[in-house]
Amino acid sequence: MRNWFPATMLAAPNEIVDEFRNLALTTPPRGLAGCYAALRDADLRRIISLIAAPTLVIGGESDTVTRASHSEEIAATITNAKLVLLPGVHILNVEQADRFNDEVVSFLQGAP
C-alpha cells in the first residue's frame, strides 16, 4: 500500500485505502501478476511522441511507482505538454483530490 498511498493515509483506518487493499487481496494472484507484467512490459516512450493534443501530465513528487522523473520524461516527450508535480505518492486524484481536480479543470478551461 505504501507504493500507492502516503503514510498519513495508512496510519489510521481509511475507507479508500481499505477498499483498495480489499480489491488487491480479492483479485486472483495470477490476474494481478498479469496486470503488473503488462504494465512492466509496456514501453510507450516512442508512441507518446505522436500525441498532438494538449496534454496534462500529473505526477507525484514522492511516487515510487511512476517516479517524478518519469512524469518529467513523459511531459518532455509530448509536444507542449504541461507538467504538474503534486506533493504525494501515486493515486493523486484520491490523495490530493482538490488540487488534482483544480489542475485538471484549469487545464481543460485553458485548452483550445
PDB file of N, CA and C in Angstrom:
ATOM      1  N   MET A   1       0.811  -1.189   0.000  1.00  0.00           N
ATOM      2  CA  MET A   1       0.000   0.000   0.000  1.00  0.00           C
ATOM      3  C   MET A   1       0.866   1.268   0.000  1.00  0.00           C
ATOM      4  N   ARG A   2       2.097   1.133   0.518  1.00  0.00           N
ATOM      5  CA  ARG A   2       2.989   2.306   0.555  1.00  0.00           C
ATOM      6  C   ARG A   2       3.337   2.823  -0.833  1.00  0.00           C
ATOM      7  N   ASN A   3       3.232   1.961  -1.850  1.00  0.00           N
ATOM      8  CA  ASN A   3       3.502   2.408  -3.213  1.00  0.00           C
ATOM      9  C   ASN A   3       2.387   3.278  -3.768  1.00  0.00           C
ATOM     10  N   TRP A   4       1.217   3.198  -3.174  1.00  0.00           N
ATOM     11  CA  TRP A   4       0.069   3.901  -3.734  1.00  0.00           C
ATOM     12  C   TRP A   4      -0.490   5.006  -2.843  1.00  0.00           C
ATOM     13  N   PHE A   5      -0.240   4.932  -1.550  1.00  0.00           N
ATOM     14  CA  PHE A   5      -0.813   5.906  -0.621  1.00  0.00           C
ATOM     15  C   PHE A   5       0.263   6.425   0.342  1.00  0.00           C
ATOM     16  N   PRO A   6       0.132   7.676   0.786  1.00  0.00           N
ATOM     17  CA  PRO A   6       1.111   8.233   1.726  1.00  0.00           C
ATOM     18  C   PRO A   6       0.924   7.653   3.123  1.00  0.00           C
ATOM     19  N   ALA A   7       1.964   7.765   3.907  1.00  0.00           N
ATOM     20  CA  ALA A   7       1.947   7.244   5.275  1.00  0.00           C
ATOM     21  C   ALA A   7       0.780   7.810   6.079  1.00  0.00           C
ATOM     22  N   THR A   8       0.428   9.074   5.845  1.00  0.00           N
ATOM     23  CA  THR A   8      -0.674   9.677   6.601  1.00  0.00           C
ATOM     24  C   THR A   8      -1.998   8.963   6.341  1.00  0.00           C
ATOM     25  N   MET A   9      -2.204   8.464   5.135  1.00  0.00           N
ATOM     26  CA  MET A   9      -3.444   7.738   4.835  1.00  0.00           C
ATOM     27  C   MET A   9      -3.394   6.302   5.348  1.00  0.00           C
ATOM     28  N   LEU A  10      -2.197   5.786   5.561  1.00  0.00           N
ATOM     29  CA  LEU A  10      -2.038   4.413   6.031  1.00  0.00           C
ATOM     30  C   LEU A  10      -1.993   4.316   7.547  1.00  0.00           C
ATOM     31  N   ALA A  11      -1.762   5.437   8.219  1.00  0.00           N
ATOM     32  CA  ALA A  11      -1.561   5.438   9.669  1.00  0.00           C
ATOM     33  C   ALA A  11      -2.839   5.159  10.454  1.00  0.00           C
ATOM     34  N   ALA A  12      -3.969   5.496   9.887  1.00  0.00           N
ATOM     35  CA  ALA A  12      -5.240   5.321  10.589  1.00  0.00           C
ATOM     36  C   ALA A  12      -6.220   4.625   9.652  1.00  0.00           C
ATOM     37  N   PRO A  13      -7.293   4.085  10.207  1.00  0.00           N
ATOM     38  CA  PRO A  13      -8.293   3.474   9.323  1.00  0.00           C
ATOM     39  C   PRO A  13      -8.734   4.463   8.242  1.00  0.00           C
ATOM     40  N   ASN A  14      -8.803   3.971   7.015  1.00  0.00           N
ATOM     41  CA  ASN A  14      -9.157   4.821   5.888  1.00  0.00           C
ATOM     42  C   ASN A  14      -9.976   3.993   4.912  1.00  0.00           C
ATOM     43  N   GLU A  15     -11.208   4.413   4.669  1.00  0.00           N
ATOM     44  CA  GLU A  15     -12.124   3.644   3.825  1.00  0.00           C
ATOM     45  C   GLU A  15     -11.576   3.437   2.414  1.00  0.00           C
ATOM     46  N   ILE A  16     -10.963   4.463   1.855  1.00  0.00           N
ATOM     47  CA  ILE A  16     -10.439   4.358   0.490  1.00  0.00           C
ATOM     48  C   ILE A  16      -9.289   3.352   0.436  1.00  0.00           C
ATOM     49  N   VAL A  17      -8.382   3.447   1.376  1.00  0.00           N
ATOM     50  CA  VAL A  17      -7.260   2.507   1.420  1.00  0.00           C
ATOM     51  C   VAL A  17      -7.776   1.091   1.658  1.00  0.00           C
ATOM     52  N   ASP A  18      -8.756   0.963   2.567  1.00  0.00           N
ATOM     53  CA  ASP A  18      -9.316  -0.361   2.854  1.00  0.00           C
ATOM     54  C   ASP A  18      -9.958  -0.973   1.614  1.00  0.00           C
ATOM     55  N   GLU A  19     -10.680  -0.165   0.837  1.00  0.00           N
ATOM     56  CA  GLU A  19     -11.304  -0.666  -0.395  1.00  0.00           C
ATOM     57  C   GLU A  19     -10.231  -1.104  -1.400  1.00  0.00           C
ATOM     58  N   PHE A  20      -9.188  -0.305  -1.533  1.00  0.00           N
ATOM     59  CA  PHE A  20      -8.110  -0.645  -2.464  1.00  0.00           C
ATOM     60  C   PHE A  20      -7.400  -1.918  -2.018  1.00  0.00           C
ATOM     61  N   ARG A  21      -7.122  -2.025  -0.720  1.00  0.00           N
ATOM     62  CA  ARG A  21      -6.463  -3.220  -0.181  1.00  0.00           C
ATOM     63  C   ARG A  21      -7.333  -4.455  -0.449  1.00  0.00           C
ATOM     64  N   ASN A  22      -8.643  -4.322  -0.204  1.00  0.00           N
ATOM     65  CA  ASN A  22      -9.557  -5.435  -0.431  1.00  0.00           C
ATOM     66  C   ASN A  22      -9.583  -5.837  -1.906  1.00  0.00           C
ATOM     67  N   LEU A  23      -9.576  -4.848  -2.781  1.00  0.00           N
ATOM     68  CA  LEU A  23      -9.543  -5.132  -4.216  1.00  0.00           C
ATOM     69  C   LEU A  23      -8.285  -5.921  -4.584  1.00  0.00           C
ATOM     70  N   ALA A  24      -7.153  -5.480  -4.051  1.00  0.00           N
ATOM     71  CA  ALA A  24      -5.886  -6.168  -4.343  1.00  0.00           C
ATOM     72  C   ALA A  24      -5.884  -7.587  -3.769  1.00  0.00           C
ATOM     73  N   LEU A  25      -6.433  -7.748  -2.567  1.00  0.00           N
ATOM     74  CA  LEU A  25      -6.425  -9.062  -1.925  1.00  0.00           C
ATOM     75  C   LEU A  25      -7.423 -10.039  -2.535  1.00  0.00           C
ATOM     76  N   THR A  26      -8.489  -9.520  -3.140  1.00  0.00           N
ATOM     77  CA  THR A  26      -9.503 -10.408  -3.724  1.00  0.00           C
ATOM     78  C   THR A  26      -9.290 -10.649  -5.215  1.00  0.00           C
ATOM     79  N   THR A  27      -8.344  -9.949  -5.815  1.00  0.00           N
ATOM     80  CA  THR A  27      -8.015 -10.200  -7.214  1.00  0.00           C
ATOM     81  C   THR A  27      -7.200 -11.488  -7.280  1.00  0.00           C
ATOM     82  N   PRO A  28      -7.570 -12.387  -8.172  1.00  0.00           N
ATOM     83  CA  PRO A  28      -6.777 -13.620  -8.285  1.00  0.00           C
ATOM     84  C   PRO A  28      -5.293 -13.281  -8.505  1.00  0.00           C
ATOM     85  N   PRO A  29      -4.403 -13.926  -7.769  1.00  0.00           N
ATOM     86  CA  PRO A  29      -2.974 -13.614  -7.866  1.00  0.00           C
ATOM     87  C   PRO A  29      -2.451 -13.649  -9.305  1.00  0.00           C
ATOM     88  N   ARG A  30      -2.911 -14.608 -10.084  1.00  0.00           N
ATOM     89  CA  ARG A  30      -2.451 -14.707 -11.465  1.00  0.00           C
ATOM     90  C   ARG A  30      -2.880 -13.473 -12.271  1.00  0.00           C
ATOM     91  N   GLY A  31      -4.088 -12.987 -12.027  1.00  0.00           N
ATOM     92  CA  GLY A  31      -4.575 -11.789 -12.711  1.00  0.00           C
ATOM     93  C   GLY A  31      -3.797 -10.555 -12.301  1.00  0.00           C
ATOM     94  N   LEU A  32      -3.534 -10.437 -11.004  1.00  0.00           N
ATOM     95  CA  LEU A  32      -2.762  -9.300 -10.505  1.00  0.00           C
ATOM     96  C   LEU A  32      -1.352  -9.319 -11.072  1.00  0.00           C
ATOM     97  N   ALA A  33      -0.737 -10.495 -11.085  1.00  0.00           N
ATOM     98  CA  ALA A  33       0.613 -10.627 -11.647  1.00  0.00           C
ATOM     99  C   ALA A  33       0.609 -10.281 -13.134  1.00  0.00           C
ATOM    100  N   GLY A  34      -0.429 -10.722 -13.853  1.00  0.00           N
ATOM    101  CA  GLY A  34      -0.535 -10.410 -15.276  1.00  0.00           C
ATOM    102  C   GLY A  34      -0.680  -8.919 -15.516  1.00  0.00           C
ATOM    103  N   CYS A  35      -1.457  -8.263 -14.678  1.00  0.00           N
ATOM    104  CA  CYS A  35      -1.626  -6.810 -14.782  1.00  0.00           C
ATOM    105  C   CYS A  35      -0.288  -6.107 -14.579  1.00  0.00           C
ATOM    106  N   TYR A  36       0.416  -6.489 -13.536  1.00  0.00           N
ATOM    107  CA  TYR A  36       1.717  -5.868 -13.265  1.00  0.00           C
ATOM    108  C   TYR A  36       2.719  -6.164 -14.384  1.00  0.00           C
ATOM    109  N   ALA A  37       2.668  -7.369 -14.931  1.00  0.00           N
ATOM    110  CA  ALA A  37       3.587  -7.720 -16.020  1.00  0.00           C
ATOM    111  C   ALA A  37       3.281  -6.886 -17.262  1.00  0.00           C
ATOM    112  N   ALA A  38       1.998  -6.697 -17.555  1.00  0.00           N
ATOM    113  CA  ALA A  38       1.624  -5.882 -18.718  1.00  0.00           C
ATOM    114  C   ALA A  38       2.124  -4.453 -18.553  1.00  0.00           C
ATOM    115  N   LEU A  39       1.970  -3.903 -17.361  1.00  0.00           N
ATOM    116  CA  LEU A  39       2.464  -2.546 -17.103  1.00  0.00           C
ATOM    117  C   LEU A  39       3.983  -2.483 -17.188  1.00  0.00           C
ATOM    118  N   ARG A  40       4.626  -3.494 -16.642  1.00  0.00           N
ATOM    119  CA  ARG A  40       6.094  -3.548 -16.673  1.00  0.00           C
ATOM    120  C   ARG A  40       6.617  -3.589 -18.103  1.00  0.00           C
ATOM    121  N   ASP A  41       5.945  -4.350 -18.946  1.00  0.00           N
ATOM    122  CA  ASP A  41       6.440  -4.593 -20.294  1.00  0.00           C
ATOM    123  C   ASP A  41       5.996  -3.563 -21.327  1.00  0.00           C
ATOM    124  N   ALA A  42       5.042  -2.730 -20.977  1.00  0.00           N
ATOM    125  CA  ALA A  42       4.554  -1.722 -21.929  1.00  0.00           C
ATOM    126  C   ALA A  42       5.567  -0.588 -22.027  1.00  0.00           C
ATOM    127  N   ASP A  43       6.128  -0.407 -23.185  1.00  0.00           N
ATOM    128  CA  ASP A  43       7.076   0.686 -23.412  1.00  0.00           C
ATOM    129  C   ASP A  43       6.442   1.630 -24.426  1.00  0.00           C
ATOM    130  N   LEU A  44       5.858   2.680 -23.923  1.00  0.00           N
ATOM    131  CA  LEU A  44       5.124   3.626 -24.767  1.00  0.00           C
ATOM    132  C   LEU A  44       5.927   4.890 -25.059  1.00  0.00           C
ATOM    133  N   ARG A  45       7.213   4.864 -24.766  1.00  0.00           N
ATOM    134  CA  ARG A  45       8.017   6.082 -24.929  1.00  0.00           C
ATOM    135  C   ARG A  45       8.012   6.611 -26.351  1.00  0.00           C
ATOM    136  N   ARG A  46       8.067   5.744 -27.341  1.00  0.00           N
ATOM    137  CA  ARG A  46       8.086   6.233 -28.731  1.00  0.00           C
ATOM    138  C   ARG A  46       6.713   6.694 -29.176  1.00  0.00           C
ATOM    139  N   ILE A  47       5.694   5.938 -28.836  1.00  0.00           N
ATOM    140  CA  ILE A  47       4.364   6.255 -29.336  1.00  0.00           C
ATOM    141  C   ILE A  47       3.800   7.548 -28.723  1.00  0.00           C
ATOM    142  N   ILE A  48       4.179   7.870 -27.490  1.00  0.00           N
ATOM    143  CA  ILE A  48       3.636   9.102 -26.901  1.00  0.00           C
ATOM    144  C   ILE A  48       4.157  10.345 -27.605  1.00  0.00           C
ATOM    145  N   SER A  49       5.249  10.216 -28.316  1.00  0.00           N
ATOM    146  CA  SER A  49       5.766  11.374 -29.066  1.00  0.00           C
ATOM    147  C   SER A  49       4.824  11.759 -30.202  1.00  0.00           C
ATOM    148  N   LEU A  50       3.891  10.889 -30.541  1.00  0.00           N
ATOM    149  CA  LEU A  50       2.924  11.166 -31.602  1.00  0.00           C
ATOM    150  C   LEU A  50       1.708  11.940 -31.106  1.00  0.00           C
ATOM    151  N   ILE A  51       1.580  12.102 -29.808  1.00  0.00           N
ATOM    152  CA  ILE A  51       0.431  12.827 -29.257  1.00  0.00           C
ATOM    153  C   ILE A  51       0.547  14.290 -29.652  1.00  0.00           C
ATOM    154  N   ALA A  52      -0.514  14.797 -30.302  1.00  0.00           N
ATOM    155  CA  ALA A  52      -0.521  16.190 -30.746  1.00  0.00           C
ATOM    156  C   ALA A  52      -1.527  17.032 -29.968  1.00  0.00           C
ATOM    157  N   ALA A  53      -2.383  16.396 -29.213  1.00  0.00           N
ATOM    158  CA  ALA A  53      -3.416  17.108 -28.453  1.00  0.00           C
ATOM    159  C   ALA A  53      -2.807  17.736 -27.210  1.00  0.00           C
ATOM    160  N   PRO A  54      -3.424  18.819 -26.732  1.00  0.00           N
ATOM    161  CA  PRO A  54      -2.976  19.383 -25.455  1.00  0.00           C
ATOM    162  C   PRO A  54      -3.007  18.289 -24.387  1.00  0.00           C
ATOM    163  N   THR A  55      -1.944  18.217 -23.617  1.00  0.00           N
ATOM    164  CA  THR A  55      -1.803  17.110 -22.671  1.00  0.00           C
ATOM    165  C   THR A  55      -1.355  17.627 -21.313  1.00  0.00           C
ATOM    166  N   LEU A  56      -2.011  17.132 -20.283  1.00  0.00           N
ATOM    167  CA  LEU A  56      -1.640  17.443 -18.907  1.00  0.00           C
ATOM    168  C   LEU A  56      -1.060  16.178 -18.290  1.00  0.00           C
ATOM    169  N   VAL A  57       0.143  16.285 -17.766  1.00  0.00           N
ATOM    170  CA  VAL A  57       0.793  15.173 -17.083  1.00  0.00           C
ATOM    171  C   VAL A  57       0.862  15.545 -15.613  1.00  0.00           C
ATOM    172  N   ILE A  58       0.227  14.745 -14.765  1.00  0.00           N
ATOM    173  CA  ILE A  58       0.250  14.991 -13.323  1.00  0.00           C
ATOM    174  C   ILE A  58       1.007  13.851 -12.672  1.00  0.00           C
ATOM    175  N   GLY A  59       2.017  14.195 -11.901  1.00  0.00           N
ATOM    176  CA  GLY A  59       2.820  13.187 -11.215  1.00  0.00           C
ATOM    177  C   GLY A  59       2.957  13.513  -9.749  1.00  0.00           C
ATOM    178  N   GLY A  60       3.360  12.518  -8.991  1.00  0.00           N
ATOM    179  CA  GLY A  60       3.580  12.689  -7.557  1.00  0.00           C
ATOM    180  C   GLY A  60       5.051  12.866  -7.249  1.00  0.00           C
ATOM    181  N   GLU A  61       5.345  13.841  -6.434  1.00  0.00           N
ATOM    182  CA  GLU A  61       6.737  14.105  -6.068  1.00  0.00           C
ATOM    183  C   GLU A  61       7.375  12.927  -5.332  1.00  0.00           C
ATOM    184  N   SER A  62       6.563  12.154  -4.603  1.00  0.00           N
ATOM    185  CA  SER A  62       7.088  11.028  -3.821  1.00  0.00           C
ATOM    186  C   SER A  62       6.655   9.683  -4.377  1.00  0.00           C
ATOM    187  N   ASP A  63       6.276   9.653  -5.645  1.00  0.00           N
ATOM    188  CA  ASP A  63       5.814   8.421  -6.268  1.00  0.00           C
ATOM    189  C   ASP A  63       6.993   7.493  -6.506  1.00  0.00           C
ATOM    190  N   THR A  64       6.873   6.263  -6.021  1.00  0.00           N
ATOM    191  CA  THR A  64       7.927   5.278  -6.238  1.00  0.00           C
ATOM    192  C   THR A  64       7.548   4.298  -7.350  1.00  0.00           C
ATOM    193  N   VAL A  65       6.325   4.424  -7.888  1.00  0.00           N
ATOM    194  CA  VAL A  65       5.863   3.569  -8.978  1.00  0.00           C
ATOM    195  C   VAL A  65       6.141   4.253 -10.312  1.00  0.00           C
ATOM    196  N   THR A  66       5.551   5.413 -10.507  1.00  0.00           N
ATOM    197  CA  THR A  66       5.842   6.253 -11.667  1.00  0.00           C
ATOM    198  C   THR A  66       6.573   7.466 -11.105  1.00  0.00           C
ATOM    199  N   ARG A  67       7.853   7.387 -11.065  1.00  0.00           N
ATOM    200  CA  ARG A  67       8.670   8.430 -10.413  1.00  0.00           C
ATOM    201  C   ARG A  67       8.452   9.791 -11.065  1.00  0.00           C
ATOM    202  N   ALA A  68       8.726  10.838 -10.309  1.00  0.00           N
ATOM    203  CA  ALA A  68       8.605  12.198 -10.836  1.00  0.00           C
ATOM    204  C   ALA A  68       9.442  12.346 -12.104  1.00  0.00           C
ATOM    205  N   SER A  69      10.598  11.704 -12.139  1.00  0.00           N
ATOM    206  CA  SER A  69      11.437  11.773 -13.341  1.00  0.00           C
ATOM    207  C   SER A  69      10.743  11.137 -14.543  1.00  0.00           C
ATOM    208  N   HIS A  70       9.920  10.113 -14.305  1.00  0.00           N
ATOM    209  CA  HIS A  70       9.148   9.501 -15.390  1.00  0.00           C
ATOM    210  C   HIS A  70       8.104  10.486 -15.910  1.00  0.00           C
ATOM    211  N   SER A  71       7.423  11.163 -15.000  1.00  0.00           N
ATOM    212  CA  SER A  71       6.428  12.166 -15.405  1.00  0.00           C
ATOM    213  C   SER A  71       7.106  13.288 -16.184  1.00  0.00           C
ATOM    214  N   GLU A  72       8.277  13.686 -15.739  1.00  0.00           N
ATOM    215  CA  GLU A  72       9.030  14.729 -16.451  1.00  0.00           C
ATOM    216  C   GLU A  72       9.391  14.266 -17.853  1.00  0.00           C
ATOM    217  N   GLU A  73       9.811  13.011 -17.983  1.00  0.00           N
ATOM    218  CA  GLU A  73      10.175  12.460 -19.295  1.00  0.00           C
ATOM    219  C   GLU A  73       8.949  12.376 -20.209  1.00  0.00           C
ATOM    220  N   ILE A  74       7.822  11.962 -19.660  1.00  0.00           N
ATOM    221  CA  ILE A  74       6.587  11.892 -20.452  1.00  0.00           C
ATOM    222  C   ILE A  74       6.221  13.281 -20.965  1.00  0.00           C
ATOM    223  N   ALA A  75       6.229  14.268 -20.076  1.00  0.00           N
ATOM    224  CA  ALA A  75       5.872  15.633 -20.473  1.00  0.00           C
ATOM    225  C   ALA A  75       6.854  16.199 -21.489  1.00  0.00           C
ATOM    226  N   ALA A  76       8.123  15.866 -21.346  1.00  0.00           N
ATOM    227  CA  ALA A  76       9.124  16.367 -22.289  1.00  0.00           C
ATOM    228  C   ALA A  76       8.980  15.721 -23.665  1.00  0.00           C
ATOM    229  N   THR A  77       8.437  14.512 -23.718  1.00  0.00           N
ATOM    230  CA  THR A  77       8.287  13.788 -24.979  1.00  0.00           C
ATOM    231  C   THR A  77       7.071  14.263 -25.775  1.00  0.00           C
ATOM    232  N   ILE A  78       6.042  14.742 -25.078  1.00  0.00           N
ATOM    233  CA  ILE A  78       4.812  15.186 -25.734  1.00  0.00           C
ATOM    234  C   ILE A  78       4.920  16.690 -25.987  1.00  0.00           C
ATOM    235  N   THR A  79       4.830  17.076 -27.239  1.00  0.00           N
ATOM    236  CA  THR A  79       4.960  18.484 -27.609  1.00  0.00           C
ATOM    237  C   THR A  79       3.953  19.337 -26.842  1.00  0.00           C
ATOM    238  N   ASN A  80       4.450  20.381 -26.219  1.00  0.00           N
ATOM    239  CA  ASN A  80       3.634  21.354 -25.484  1.00  0.00           C
ATOM    240  C   ASN A  80       2.829  20.757 -24.337  1.00  0.00           C
ATOM    241  N   ALA A  81       3.274  19.661 -23.773  1.00  0.00           N
ATOM    242  CA  ALA A  81       2.586  19.097 -22.611  1.00  0.00           C
ATOM    243  C   ALA A  81       2.857  19.975 -21.397  1.00  0.00           C
ATOM    244  N   LYS A  82       1.888  20.001 -20.499  1.00  0.00           N
ATOM    245  CA  LYS A  82       2.049  20.715 -19.232  1.00  0.00           C
ATOM    246  C   LYS A  82       2.297  19.675 -18.148  1.00  0.00           C
ATOM    247  N   LEU A  83       3.314  19.902 -17.336  1.00  0.00           N
ATOM    248  CA  LEU A  83       3.655  19.005 -16.243  1.00  0.00           C
ATOM    249  C   LEU A  83       3.304  19.661 -14.918  1.00  0.00           C
ATOM    250  N   VAL A  84       2.618  18.906 -14.075  1.00  0.00           N
ATOM    251  CA  VAL A  84       2.336  19.342 -12.713  1.00  0.00           C
ATOM    252  C   VAL A  84       2.781  18.218 -11.786  1.00  0.00           C
ATOM    253  N   LEU A  85       3.677  18.529 -10.875  1.00  0.00           N
ATOM    254  CA  LEU A  85       4.081  17.567  -9.849  1.00  0.00           C
ATOM    255  C   LEU A  85       3.444  18.001  -8.539  1.00  0.00           C
ATOM    256  N   LEU A  86       2.654  17.108  -7.974  1.00  0.00           N
ATOM    257  CA  LEU A  86       1.973  17.389  -6.720  1.00  0.00           C
ATOM    258  C   LEU A  86       2.686  16.696  -5.572  1.00  0.00           C
ATOM    259  N   PRO A  87       2.617  17.282  -4.378  1.00  0.00           N
ATOM    260  CA  PRO A  87       3.178  16.581  -3.222  1.00  0.00           C
ATOM    261  C   PRO A  87       2.307  15.361  -2.937  1.00  0.00           C
ATOM    262  N   GLY A  88       2.866  14.194  -3.155  1.00  0.00           N
ATOM    263  CA  GLY A  88       2.079  12.996  -2.932  1.00  0.00           C
ATOM    264  C   GLY A  88       2.721  11.786  -3.542  1.00  0.00           C
ATOM    265  N   VAL A  89       1.983  10.687  -3.495  1.00  0.00           N
ATOM    266  CA  VAL A  89       2.522   9.402  -3.924  1.00  0.00           C
ATOM    267  C   VAL A  89       1.977   9.063  -5.309  1.00  0.00           C
ATOM    268  N   HIS A  90       1.088   8.111  -5.440  1.00  0.00           N
ATOM    269  CA  HIS A  90       0.725   7.588  -6.757  1.00  0.00           C
ATOM    270  C   HIS A  90      -0.720   7.877  -7.160  1.00  0.00           C
ATOM    271  N   ILE A  91      -1.651   7.733  -6.252  1.00  0.00           N
ATOM    272  CA  ILE A  91      -3.060   7.911  -6.605  1.00  0.00           C
ATOM    273  C   ILE A  91      -3.482   9.318  -6.179  1.00  0.00           C
ATOM    274  N   LEU A  92      -2.990  10.281  -6.924  1.00  0.00           N
ATOM    275  CA  LEU A  92      -3.125  11.691  -6.555  1.00  0.00           C
ATOM    276  C   LEU A  92      -4.559  12.196  -6.630  1.00  0.00           C
ATOM    277  N   ASN A  93      -5.386  11.611  -7.479  1.00  0.00           N
ATOM    278  CA  ASN A  93      -6.775  12.044  -7.541  1.00  0.00           C
ATOM    279  C   ASN A  93      -7.525  11.688  -6.260  1.00  0.00           C
ATOM    280  N   VAL A  94      -6.981  10.798  -5.454  1.00  0.00           N
ATOM    281  CA  VAL A  94      -7.546  10.463  -4.144  1.00  0.00           C
ATOM    282  C   VAL A  94      -6.810  11.242  -3.057  1.00  0.00           C
ATOM    283  N   GLU A  95      -5.508  11.164  -3.082  1.00  0.00           N
ATOM    284  CA  GLU A  95      -4.678  11.770  -2.039  1.00  0.00           C
ATOM    285  C   GLU A  95      -4.752  13.295  -2.037  1.00  0.00           C
ATOM    286  N   GLN A  96      -4.729  13.885  -3.198  1.00  0.00           N
ATOM    287  CA  GLN A  96      -4.751  15.345  -3.357  1.00  0.00           C
ATOM    288  C   GLN A  96      -5.949  15.741  -4.229  1.00  0.00           C
ATOM    289  N   ALA A  97      -7.131  15.235  -3.883  1.00  0.00           N
ATOM    290  CA  ALA A  97      -8.305  15.361  -4.751  1.00  0.00           C
ATOM    291  C   ALA A  97      -8.595  16.805  -5.165  1.00  0.00           C
ATOM    292  N   ASP A  98      -8.618  17.726  -4.224  1.00  0.00           N
ATOM    293  CA  ASP A  98      -8.954  19.114  -4.573  1.00  0.00           C
ATOM    294  C   ASP A  98      -7.920  19.716  -5.510  1.00  0.00           C
ATOM    295  N   ARG A  99      -6.665  19.562  -5.177  1.00  0.00           N
ATOM    296  CA  ARG A  99      -5.596  20.127  -6.014  1.00  0.00           C
ATOM    297  C   ARG A  99      -5.569  19.452  -7.383  1.00  0.00           C
ATOM    298  N   PHE A 100      -5.725  18.146  -7.398  1.00  0.00           N
ATOM    299  CA  PHE A 100      -5.752  17.398  -8.655  1.00  0.00           C
ATOM    300  C   PHE A 100      -6.893  17.914  -9.541  1.00  0.00           C
ATOM    301  N   ASN A 101      -8.087  17.993  -8.962  1.00  0.00           N
ATOM    302  CA  ASN A 101      -9.243  18.457  -9.730  1.00  0.00           C
ATOM    303  C   ASN A 101      -9.074  19.896 -10.199  1.00  0.00           C
ATOM    304  N   ASP A 102      -8.509  20.747  -9.357  1.00  0.00           N
ATOM    305  CA  ASP A 102      -8.254  22.140  -9.762  1.00  0.00           C
ATOM    306  C   ASP A 102      -7.320  22.192 -10.964  1.00  0.00           C
ATOM    307  N   GLU A 103      -6.271  21.381 -10.957  1.00  0.00           N
ATOM    308  CA  GLU A 103      -5.324  21.356 -12.075  1.00  0.00           C
ATOM    309  C   GLU A 103      -5.996  20.873 -13.354  1.00  0.00           C
ATOM    310  N   VAL A 104      -6.815  19.832 -13.239  1.00  0.00           N
ATOM    311  CA  VAL A 104      -7.487  19.289 -14.421  1.00  0.00           C
ATOM    312  C   VAL A 104      -8.490  20.308 -14.977  1.00  0.00           C
ATOM    313  N   VAL A 105      -9.297  20.896 -14.107  1.00  0.00           N
ATOM    314  CA  VAL A 105     -10.298  21.879 -14.568  1.00  0.00           C
ATOM    315  C   VAL A 105      -9.609  23.086 -15.188  1.00  0.00           C
ATOM    316  N   SER A 106      -8.563  23.583 -14.547  1.00  0.00           N
ATOM    317  CA  SER A 106      -7.825  24.724 -15.083  1.00  0.00           C
ATOM    318  C   SER A 106      -7.251  24.399 -16.453  1.00  0.00           C
ATOM    319  N   PHE A 107      -6.683  23.217 -16.599  1.00  0.00           N
ATOM    320  CA  PHE A 107      -6.120  22.803 -17.876  1.00  0.00           C
ATOM    321  C   PHE A 107      -7.207  22.714 -18.942  1.00  0.00           C
ATOM    322  N   LEU A 108      -8.317  22.099 -18.608  1.00  0.00           N
ATOM    323  CA  LEU A 108      -9.403  21.948 -19.579  1.00  0.00           C
ATOM    324  C   LEU A 108     -10.019  23.285 -19.965  1.00  0.00           C
ATOM    325  N   GLN A 109     -10.113  24.191 -19.036  1.00  0.00           N
ATOM    326  CA  GLN A 109     -10.667  25.507 -19.344  1.00  0.00           C
ATOM    327  C   GLN A 109      -9.730  26.317 -20.230  1.00  0.00           C
ATOM    328  N   GLY A 110      -8.448  26.058 -20.126  1.00  0.00           N
ATOM    329  CA  GLY A 110      -7.484  26.782 -20.934  1.00  0.00           C
ATOM    330  C   GLY A 110      -7.185  26.123 -22.266  1.00  0.00           C
ATOM    331  N   ALA A 111      -7.674  24.904 -22.460  1.00  0.00           N
ATOM    332  CA  ALA A 111      -7.404  24.174 -23.702  1.00  0.00           C
ATOM    333  C   ALA A 111      -8.203  24.779 -24.849  1.00  0.00           C
ATOM    334  N   PRO A 112      -7.559  24.853 -26.037  1.00  0.00           N
ATOM    335  CA  PRO A 112      -8.277  25.424 -27.194  1.00  0.00           C
ATOM    336  C   PRO A 112      -9.424  24.549 -27.658  1.00  0.00           C
TER     337      PRO A 112
END
